[in-house]
Structure formats: C-alpha cells, structure tokens
Amino acid sequence: MSAPTGSRAERVSRVLADAGVDAAVLSSIPSVAQAAGFWPRWEMWPGESPHTLDPTLCLAWPDRGARLLLPNYYAAYEPSVRAEVRSVASYSYLEPPDKLAELAGALADELGGRVERLGWEPRTLPALVRDELASRVEVGEWVDLSGPLAAASAVKTEEEIEGIRRAAAVADTIQRTVKERAEPGRREIDVAADALAAAWALEGRRFPILIQLRSGPATAVRGEWHPGARALEEGDVVCTDTAPWLDGLWADSCNGLAVGAATAAHREAFAIAAEALHAGIAAVRPGVPARAVDEACRRAVRASGHDYNHHTGHGLGYVRAELPRITPTSEDVLEAGMVIALEPGLYVEGWGGFRHEHIMAVRAGGAELLTRFEHTL
C-alpha cells in the first residue's frame, strides 16, 4: 500500500473504484468522517437520539463527490461538512416525521431505481434501513466494503496526522495534570476531573474524552478502570489511560506514576516499562512486521521475569484501535504514514502496575512521536 495522495475523501473514492461498485452507502463513523468530514458531536456521543435515525449516512461514488444525508435535527453542523448535504426530515416539535421513510426515500432518490453493485458496511447499517432501501431500489449485488475501507485508512494523510497530533497534545495535557494533582488524600475522580477540565480549557470547548484512572493494587488488574471515590495513598501507583476524540480523530496515552516518594520497587517497575516502550519505538520502521515490534517490547519485560497479557499496540485514527495490530501473532507490516500506539506494561498482582504509551507516525527514518509527554516518576 502506498502513501495516500489527495484528500481523505478521494481515498474513499479510490476504494469504491477498486471494488468495482457503482455507489456505496457509508454508515460507520470512520467512513462518514473521511468521505464527508462529519462525525458525532457531543450530544450524539454516546447513546441514542430520539430525534434521528442513527447512524448518519453518507452516499459515495467512485467518480464524484459524496453526499451526506444529514438529519435536520443536526442542521447546525452543516457549515462544517465538506461534502454536499441533503437534509433529511427527522425532527419536528409539531408532528414527528416517519424517520425511516424519509431516510429511505432520500437514499432511493439519490441512487435511482437500480444499482448493479452497491457497496455497504454490514456492521453499522441497520437491517431496517437496508430492508426499506431494498424495497425501493433494485440492487444487483451488495458488496461488503468494511475490509477495504479499514485497510485503506491505515495509512494516513499528512492532514490526518496533524489532526492526531493535535489530539495528542490534549492527551499530554491530561497526563501532565494527573502528575501534578495526584497527591495523597485526593480521590481518583477529583484528579480525573482536574485533567478533564485542563483538556477542555486547552481547546476552549468540550469534546469526548475517555479517562481511565485507577490507583493502588487495581492498576495491576485488567477490567473496568473508571476513576472512583478511592483516596490516593502515599506509595500508590496511579495509572492513567486516556483517549481524546478531537474532530473525528483519536489520540491515546498511558502513564504510570508513584504517589509521594518513589520507592525502589517503583523505580524498578517504572524502568522496565520504560525500557520496553523505547525498545518498541526503536524497532519502528516501514517494512517491519508488527509482531517484531511486539517482540521488541515484550522481550524487555520478559527479561525481568514478567510478561503482560494484552496487545503491545495498535493503529489509531478514526477508530481508537485499528490496523495494524501489534501482537505476537499479527500478520500486519508497518508502512510509512501509519499512526500507531505502543503500550507495554509490567504488573505485580496485589501491588500495582506501570503501563507507558506513546503514539507515533511511522516515517522512513523511524518513529515520529506525536505524544510528547515525558514518562517520569
């Protein structure tokens, strides 16, 4: 796969052309974001709106621009959309419209009476929408585009890398704030709230952010990492894994730190996690198998007599975890322009664990770090 040229919308058009489809109904958040520059805003994430028929759909063709079928309930976002927009009635305070009929009617009007090969994304197009569309448009063949679209978006444009870099700056701010505010006696949720406020202040607006923050022995346990009412204690390990979702693109960052004075145990665990991360970063090059990067990180941890039972990393962009998979069994190969996260860890049951993570763009000369936060005790 070569580095993409042109815009992200042109990349989608190339996927359609390569698949030999006449048109496509795009329904996943990543595909719609790339083709139309539209993604769910705060009031749409997460959850279900009673005023729309989610998800918001986009029609795309291999030889012309995309058209977003925007529910009129989201009309305020039309000026920011890069594609042509067709408004679809979904809300009225007087008489609720038939949302399914309105959407299917707009789809049929745009597609015409017959489409020989129609691309779609089975995982995200609701069955009732497909069935209603099929009753109005004769489709010769439904062509699953999920795999080709995901593979094509693994290599990012420079515009996308800059967007991820901006989200990465938010992640850096969260980690710095946690490090400053993680003091004995403070609750996990209070530290997380400070970090969230700092992130929103940085951008001057609210946007979705995942902040997983746990302390003490819980940092060695996989599972729910929601910050809670537990008060931090001297000697605790605090682990913060955060993923800001900014303007349709994700960043990711994880850091472990000691509350109060670091002990010898803290320093030893920290050093092993740091060595593993930097071994992986040093291994990143175009043409390197993803499993070789996994092995570089894992080897450093195993040398200490430990291991970790999760992936070493993953790609990210329009999805928080996408191709390539950086695991012991991955068949993926790194390419210039990919953006990946590396997150090896060391965990001691009953005590705690450190996991250090950076995200980086794969460049010809190696890894270009997009997160700049320095992991320190």
Protein backbone atom coordinates (compact mmCIF):
# COMPACT_ATOMS: atom_id res chain seq x y z
CA MET A 1 0.00 0.00 0.00
CA SER A 2 1.45 3.36 -0.98
CA ALA A 3 1.03 6.57 0.95
CA PRO A 4 -2.28 8.28 0.09
CA THR A 5 -2.36 11.26 -2.18
CA GLY A 6 -5.05 13.91 -2.26
CA SER A 7 -7.80 14.20 0.33
CA ARG A 8 -9.30 11.61 2.63
CA ALA A 9 -12.50 11.78 0.54
CA GLU A 10 -10.51 10.89 -2.58
CA ARG A 11 -9.14 7.86 -0.73
CA VAL A 12 -12.69 6.62 -0.16
CA SER A 13 -13.48 7.11 -3.85
CA ARG A 14 -10.45 5.00 -4.78
CA VAL A 15 -11.66 2.18 -2.53
CA LEU A 16 -15.02 2.25 -4.31
CA ALA A 17 -13.36 2.25 -7.72
CA ASP A 18 -11.08 -0.65 -6.79
CA ALA A 19 -14.08 -2.62 -5.50
CA GLY A 20 -15.95 -2.02 -8.76
CA VAL A 21 -19.09 -0.66 -7.11
CA ASP A 22 -21.40 1.88 -8.70
CA ALA A 23 -22.17 3.62 -5.40
CA ALA A 24 -21.91 2.99 -1.65
CA VAL A 25 -23.97 3.63 1.45
CA LEU A 26 -21.46 4.53 4.16
CA SER A 27 -22.68 4.07 7.71
CA SER A 28 -19.65 3.74 10.02
CA ILE A 29 -18.36 6.79 11.88
CA PRO A 30 -14.85 6.44 10.35
CA SER A 31 -16.09 6.15 6.76
CA VAL A 32 -18.55 9.04 7.04
CA ALA A 33 -15.87 11.18 8.69
CA GLN A 34 -13.45 10.52 5.84
CA ALA A 35 -15.92 10.91 2.99
CA ALA A 36 -17.89 13.87 4.32
CA GLY A 37 -15.99 15.40 7.22
CA PHE A 38 -18.87 14.68 9.59
CA TRP A 39 -18.71 12.84 12.92
CA PRO A 40 -20.90 12.66 16.01
CA ARG A 41 -20.66 15.72 18.24
CA TRP A 42 -21.00 15.81 22.00
CA GLU A 43 -24.80 15.46 22.20
CA MET A 44 -24.67 12.42 19.91
CA TRP A 45 -21.95 10.54 21.83
CA PRO A 46 -22.56 8.10 23.32
CA GLY A 47 -26.16 6.94 23.20
CA GLU A 48 -29.24 7.04 21.01
CA SER A 49 -31.11 10.16 19.94
CA PRO A 50 -34.91 10.04 19.80
CA HIS A 51 -34.80 12.79 17.17
CA THR A 52 -32.79 10.98 14.48
CA LEU A 53 -32.46 7.59 12.87
CA ASP A 54 -28.84 6.80 13.62
CA PRO A 55 -26.30 6.42 12.21
CA THR A 56 -26.00 9.41 9.91
CA LEU A 57 -25.46 8.02 6.39
CA CYS A 58 -23.33 9.20 3.52
CA LEU A 59 -23.64 8.24 -0.14
CA ALA A 60 -20.40 7.97 -2.07
CA TRP A 61 -19.48 7.25 -5.67
CA PRO A 62 -16.18 6.29 -7.28
CA ASP A 63 -16.31 9.14 -9.79
CA ARG A 64 -17.87 12.10 -7.95
CA GLY A 65 -18.17 13.74 -4.58
CA ALA A 66 -20.00 12.28 -1.61
CA ARG A 67 -23.38 13.42 -0.32
CA LEU A 68 -24.21 13.45 3.38
CA LEU A 69 -27.81 12.67 4.33
CA LEU A 70 -27.92 14.97 7.32
CA PRO A 71 -30.88 14.73 9.72
CA ASN A 72 -32.44 18.16 10.05
CA TYR A 73 -32.00 17.82 13.82
CA TYR A 74 -28.25 18.26 13.19
CA ALA A 75 -28.64 21.17 10.76
CA ALA A 76 -26.39 23.39 12.87
CA TYR A 77 -23.40 21.30 11.81
CA GLU A 78 -23.97 21.64 8.07
CA PRO A 79 -21.49 24.54 7.60
CA SER A 80 -18.60 22.35 8.82
CA VAL A 81 -19.37 19.44 6.46
CA ARG A 82 -17.01 19.12 3.49
CA ALA A 83 -19.37 17.10 1.28
CA GLU A 84 -22.63 18.10 -0.36
CA VAL A 85 -25.50 17.90 2.10
CA ARG A 86 -29.05 16.70 1.64
CA SER A 87 -31.28 17.50 4.60
CA VAL A 88 -33.50 14.63 5.76
CA ALA A 89 -36.52 15.29 7.97
CA SER A 90 -36.01 13.61 11.33
CA TYR A 91 -37.48 16.02 13.89
CA SER A 92 -40.40 18.36 14.31
CA TYR A 93 -41.87 19.65 17.53
CA LEU A 94 -45.31 19.63 15.86
CA GLU A 95 -45.70 16.25 14.15
CA PRO A 96 -42.89 13.67 14.32
CA PRO A 97 -41.86 12.60 10.80
CA ASP A 98 -41.54 8.98 9.72
CA LYS A 99 -37.75 8.89 10.06
CA LEU A 100 -37.30 5.58 8.24
CA ALA A 101 -39.48 6.58 5.31
CA GLU A 102 -37.78 9.96 4.99
CA LEU A 103 -34.29 8.43 5.04
CA ALA A 104 -35.08 5.55 2.68
CA GLY A 105 -36.82 7.93 0.33
CA ALA A 106 -33.78 10.19 0.19
CA LEU A 107 -31.49 7.21 -0.43
CA ALA A 108 -33.69 5.93 -3.24
CA ASP A 109 -33.95 9.35 -4.81
CA GLU A 110 -30.17 9.71 -4.88
CA LEU A 111 -29.46 6.17 -6.09
CA GLY A 112 -32.19 5.79 -8.68
CA GLY A 113 -34.29 2.74 -9.44
CA ARG A 114 -31.46 0.21 -9.80
CA VAL A 115 -27.84 -0.16 -8.67
CA GLU A 116 -25.93 -3.09 -10.11
CA ARG A 117 -23.24 -3.18 -7.37
CA LEU A 118 -23.92 -1.27 -4.17
CA GLY A 119 -21.22 -1.01 -1.52
CA TRP A 120 -22.19 -1.09 2.15
CA GLU A 121 -20.89 -1.69 5.67
CA PRO A 122 -22.84 -4.60 7.21
CA ARG A 123 -21.68 -3.97 10.77
CA THR A 124 -23.19 -0.50 11.01
CA LEU A 125 -26.06 -0.21 8.51
CA PRO A 126 -29.26 -1.09 10.42
CA ALA A 127 -31.22 -4.01 9.00
CA LEU A 128 -34.44 -1.99 8.87
CA VAL A 129 -32.73 0.66 6.73
CA ARG A 130 -31.28 -1.91 4.35
CA ASP A 131 -34.63 -3.72 4.05
CA GLU A 132 -36.52 -0.50 3.40
CA LEU A 133 -33.94 0.61 0.85
CA ALA A 134 -34.11 -2.79 -0.90
CA SER A 135 -37.88 -2.38 -1.22
CA ARG A 136 -37.36 0.89 -3.12
CA VAL A 137 -34.13 0.28 -5.09
CA GLU A 138 -33.30 -2.87 -7.05
CA VAL A 139 -29.78 -3.92 -6.02
CA GLY A 140 -27.98 -6.47 -8.14
CA GLU A 141 -25.26 -7.18 -5.55
CA TRP A 142 -24.47 -5.87 -2.10
CA VAL A 143 -20.68 -5.53 -1.79
CA ASP A 144 -19.12 -5.51 1.69
CA LEU A 145 -16.58 -2.65 1.81
CA SER A 146 -15.67 -2.97 5.50
CA GLY A 147 -12.29 -4.61 4.94
CA PRO A 148 -11.10 -2.43 2.06
CA LEU A 149 -12.14 0.79 3.82
CA ALA A 150 -10.36 -0.20 7.04
CA ALA A 151 -7.20 -1.23 5.18
CA ALA A 152 -7.11 1.96 3.12
CA SER A 153 -7.41 4.23 6.15
CA ALA A 154 -4.46 2.56 7.95
CA VAL A 155 -2.04 4.85 6.07
CA LYS A 156 -2.80 8.45 6.98
CA THR A 157 -2.59 11.65 5.00
CA GLU A 158 -0.45 14.46 6.42
CA GLU A 159 -3.67 16.32 7.21
CA GLU A 160 -4.85 13.38 9.31
CA ILE A 161 -1.50 13.08 11.09
CA GLU A 162 -1.70 16.76 12.02
CA GLY A 163 -5.21 16.17 13.40
CA ILE A 164 -3.96 13.26 15.51
CA ARG A 165 -1.01 15.40 16.68
CA ARG A 166 -3.48 17.98 17.95
CA ALA A 167 -5.45 15.32 19.83
CA ALA A 168 -2.13 14.03 21.18
CA ALA A 169 -1.45 17.45 22.72
CA VAL A 170 -4.70 17.05 24.64
CA ALA A 171 -3.54 13.64 25.91
CA ASP A 172 -0.25 15.22 27.01
CA THR A 173 -2.14 17.88 28.96
CA ILE A 174 -4.20 15.20 30.72
CA GLN A 175 -1.11 13.26 31.74
CA ARG A 176 0.71 16.37 32.98
CA THR A 177 -2.32 17.40 35.03
CA VAL A 178 -2.67 13.97 36.63
CA LYS A 179 1.01 14.03 37.55
CA GLU A 180 0.60 17.47 39.16
CA ARG A 181 -2.62 16.65 41.04
CA ALA A 182 -2.07 13.02 42.16
CA GLU A 183 -1.45 13.72 45.85
CA PRO A 184 -2.20 11.68 48.97
CA GLY A 185 -5.78 12.17 50.16
CA ARG A 186 -7.21 13.22 46.82
CA ARG A 187 -9.83 10.96 45.25
CA GLU A 188 -9.29 9.34 41.86
CA ILE A 189 -12.37 11.10 40.47
CA ASP A 190 -11.13 14.52 41.61
CA VAL A 191 -7.79 14.05 39.83
CA ALA A 192 -9.61 12.86 36.69
CA ALA A 193 -11.96 15.87 36.84
CA ASP A 194 -8.99 18.24 37.03
CA ALA A 195 -7.47 16.55 33.97
CA LEU A 196 -10.73 16.79 32.02
CA ALA A 197 -11.07 20.49 32.85
CA ALA A 198 -7.49 21.16 31.73
CA ALA A 199 -8.10 19.37 28.44
CA TRP A 200 -11.26 21.33 27.66
CA ALA A 201 -9.53 24.56 28.65
CA LEU A 202 -6.70 23.81 26.23
CA GLU A 203 -9.12 23.65 23.29
CA GLY A 204 -11.62 26.16 24.65
CA ARG A 205 -14.53 23.77 24.12
CA ARG A 206 -15.89 20.44 25.27
CA PHE A 207 -15.40 17.22 23.35
CA PRO A 208 -15.45 13.50 24.21
CA ILE A 209 -12.50 12.16 26.21
CA LEU A 210 -12.01 8.73 27.75
CA ILE A 211 -10.10 8.97 31.03
CA GLN A 212 -9.35 5.66 32.73
CA LEU A 213 -7.61 6.26 36.05
CA ARG A 214 -7.03 3.75 38.84
CA SER A 215 -4.75 3.61 41.84
CA GLY A 216 -3.14 1.09 44.13
CA PRO A 217 -3.41 -2.68 43.52
CA ALA A 218 -6.22 -2.13 40.97
CA THR A 219 -3.62 -0.87 38.47
CA ALA A 220 -2.43 -4.47 38.07
CA VAL A 221 -5.90 -5.79 37.19
CA ARG A 222 -7.45 -5.79 33.74
CA GLY A 223 -11.07 -4.69 33.66
CA GLU A 224 -13.06 -1.56 34.37
CA TRP A 225 -10.79 1.38 35.04
CA HIS A 226 -13.34 4.05 35.90
CA PRO A 227 -11.97 6.61 38.37
CA GLY A 228 -13.88 6.39 41.63
CA ALA A 229 -14.05 7.65 45.19
CA ARG A 230 -10.89 5.88 46.39
CA ALA A 231 -8.48 8.32 48.05
CA LEU A 232 -4.88 8.16 46.89
CA GLU A 233 -2.37 6.95 49.46
CA GLU A 234 1.36 7.52 49.85
CA GLY A 235 3.18 4.87 47.83
CA ASP A 236 0.26 4.13 45.48
CA VAL A 237 0.81 3.53 41.80
CA VAL A 238 -1.56 5.62 39.66
CA CYS A 239 -2.14 4.54 36.08
CA THR A 240 -3.95 6.83 33.65
CA ASP A 241 -5.00 5.69 30.18
CA THR A 242 -6.65 8.47 28.20
CA ALA A 243 -8.04 8.74 24.68
CA PRO A 244 -9.26 12.16 23.47
CA TRP A 245 -11.55 12.14 20.41
CA LEU A 246 -10.99 15.50 18.73
CA ASP A 247 -12.67 16.47 15.45
CA GLY A 248 -13.19 12.85 14.43
CA LEU A 249 -9.64 11.66 15.22
CA TRP A 250 -8.32 9.79 18.26
CA ALA A 251 -5.18 10.01 20.33
CA ASP A 252 -4.10 7.60 23.08
CA SER A 253 -1.71 7.85 26.02
CA CYS A 254 -0.95 5.89 29.17
CA ASN A 255 1.31 6.63 32.11
CA GLY A 256 2.10 5.16 35.50
CA LEU A 257 3.40 7.22 38.41
CA ALA A 258 4.07 6.98 42.12
CA VAL A 259 2.14 8.97 44.70
CA GLY A 260 4.59 10.68 47.00
CA ALA A 261 8.18 9.48 47.25
CA ALA A 262 9.09 6.73 44.82
CA THR A 263 10.43 3.51 46.34
CA ALA A 264 12.94 1.07 44.90
CA ALA A 265 10.03 -1.10 43.75
CA HIS A 266 8.51 1.87 41.91
CA ARG A 267 11.78 2.71 40.23
CA GLU A 268 12.41 -0.87 39.14
CA ALA A 269 8.94 -1.40 37.65
CA PHE A 270 8.99 2.03 36.02
CA ALA A 271 12.38 1.38 34.41
CA ILE A 272 11.27 -1.95 32.93
CA ALA A 273 8.10 -0.45 31.41
CA ALA A 274 10.11 2.48 30.03
CA GLU A 275 12.77 0.19 28.56
CA ALA A 276 10.08 -1.89 26.86
CA LEU A 277 8.40 1.17 25.34
CA HIS A 278 11.62 2.62 23.99
CA ALA A 279 12.72 -0.76 22.61
CA GLY A 280 9.50 -0.84 20.62
CA ILE A 281 9.90 2.73 19.42
CA ALA A 282 13.43 1.93 18.22
CA ALA A 283 12.08 -1.03 16.21
CA VAL A 284 9.52 1.02 14.27
CA ARG A 285 10.35 1.33 10.56
CA PRO A 286 8.45 0.87 7.30
CA GLY A 287 8.58 -2.77 6.25
CA VAL A 288 8.98 -4.12 9.80
CA PRO A 289 6.44 -6.81 10.77
CA ALA A 290 4.17 -5.60 13.57
CA ARG A 291 4.90 -8.77 15.53
CA ALA A 292 8.63 -7.84 15.55
CA VAL A 293 7.75 -4.58 17.33
CA ASP A 294 5.63 -6.56 19.77
CA GLU A 295 8.57 -8.88 20.41
CA ALA A 296 10.98 -5.99 21.00
CA CYS A 297 8.72 -4.61 23.75
CA ARG A 298 7.84 -7.98 25.24
CA ARG A 299 11.48 -9.15 25.31
CA ALA A 300 12.40 -6.27 27.62
CA VAL A 301 9.63 -7.18 30.06
CA ARG A 302 10.32 -10.90 29.94
CA ALA A 303 13.97 -10.29 30.82
CA SER A 304 12.71 -9.15 34.24
CA GLY A 305 10.73 -12.36 34.74
CA HIS A 306 7.38 -10.78 33.89
CA ASP A 307 5.06 -10.56 30.86
CA TYR A 308 1.79 -8.82 30.04
CA ASN A 309 -1.43 -10.38 28.78
CA HIS A 310 -2.57 -7.69 26.36
CA HIS A 311 -1.57 -6.34 22.99
CA THR A 312 1.57 -4.26 22.69
CA GLY A 313 -0.12 -1.73 20.44
CA HIS A 314 -2.45 -0.85 17.61
CA GLY A 315 -3.10 1.63 14.87
CA LEU A 316 -5.36 4.59 15.52
CA GLY A 317 -7.02 7.43 13.66
CA TYR A 318 -10.75 7.49 13.01
CA VAL A 319 -11.02 4.45 15.29
CA ARG A 320 -9.37 4.24 18.69
CA ALA A 321 -7.87 0.85 17.83
CA GLU A 322 -7.48 -0.02 14.16
CA LEU A 323 -4.95 -1.63 11.82
CA PRO A 324 -2.17 -2.53 12.26
CA ARG A 325 -2.48 -4.94 15.20
CA ILE A 326 0.76 -5.09 17.16
CA THR A 327 0.54 -8.53 18.75
CA PRO A 328 2.63 -11.73 18.80
CA THR A 329 0.51 -13.27 16.02
CA SER A 330 -0.12 -10.21 13.82
CA GLU A 331 0.45 -10.58 10.08
CA ASP A 332 0.45 -6.81 9.55
CA VAL A 333 3.51 -4.94 8.30
CA LEU A 334 4.29 -1.31 9.18
CA GLU A 335 4.09 1.24 6.37
CA ALA A 336 5.16 4.84 6.16
CA GLY A 337 2.25 7.07 7.15
CA MET A 338 0.68 4.68 9.62
CA VAL A 339 -0.02 6.04 13.10
CA ILE A 340 0.44 3.51 15.89
CA ALA A 341 0.28 3.32 19.67
CA LEU A 342 2.71 1.24 21.72
CA GLU A 343 1.70 0.41 25.31
CA PRO A 344 3.74 -2.36 27.01
CA GLY A 345 3.33 -2.82 30.73
CA LEU A 346 4.54 -4.52 33.87
CA TYR A 347 2.06 -5.67 36.53
CA VAL A 348 2.53 -7.12 40.00
CA GLU A 349 -0.63 -8.64 41.45
CA GLY A 350 -1.58 -7.15 44.80
CA TRP A 351 0.78 -4.19 44.37
CA GLY A 352 0.16 -2.37 41.11
CA GLY A 353 1.42 -1.90 37.59
CA PHE A 354 3.00 0.52 35.16
CA ARG A 355 1.94 0.90 31.54
CA HIS A 356 3.66 3.50 29.37
CA GLU A 357 2.27 4.52 25.99
CA HIS A 358 3.21 6.83 23.15
CA ILE A 359 1.61 7.29 19.76
CA MET A 360 3.79 7.83 16.72
CA ALA A 361 3.75 8.22 12.96
CA VAL A 362 5.77 5.65 11.02
CA ARG A 363 8.31 7.55 8.93
CA ALA A 364 11.07 6.44 6.58
CA GLY A 365 13.65 7.23 9.25
CA GLY A 366 11.76 5.63 12.12
CA ALA A 367 9.12 6.73 14.60
CA GLU A 368 7.98 10.35 14.92
CA LEU A 369 6.42 10.77 18.37
CA LEU A 370 3.07 12.57 18.34
CA THR A 371 2.53 12.39 22.12
CA ARG A 372 5.31 14.37 23.80
CA PHE A 373 4.57 13.80 27.49
CA GLU A 374 7.67 12.55 29.28
CA HIS A 375 7.08 9.45 31.40
CA THR A 376 8.76 10.13 34.74
CA LEU A 377 8.19 9.03 38.31
